[in-house]
């Protein structure tokens, strides 16, 4: 990865570029729910949230959102713009989140990946994550848009 890639904290003015990147990456984007600007702004103020972006010469090229519940860290919203994939940006973003979790004594880090997202599965396997096919994920949503 070139030295011209910078990893930094998410800022309010990044919202539009982040939303565009999530859309480009095919990540589920809920602008009327959990991804609404005010909700994102509220989330990033929480002590258990790590929201990082990667930029090159001022252009936002990657994102990752880390959260934890005190015992286990979760890597979410990892995305790199198509033009900058396979340059180590995703690895750098994940390693930075992992480092910050380890500093908070979070020693288990996990991610959830939809079964169609082979690119993400391959990326996390290369990063040393183990697939647990026997785990079934359940969710309950207050509203469909969250």
Foldseek 3Di string as FASTA:
>chain_A
DDPQKDKDFDDLVCLVVLQVQCVQQVHDAQCPPCSPSVNVVVVSVDPQKTWMFIDGPPHTFWIWIWGDDLAEIEIDSTGGHPVPPPVCPSVVRVVVSVVVCVVSVHDHYYYDDPPVCVVVVVVVVVSVDDDDPVDDDDDDDPDPSD
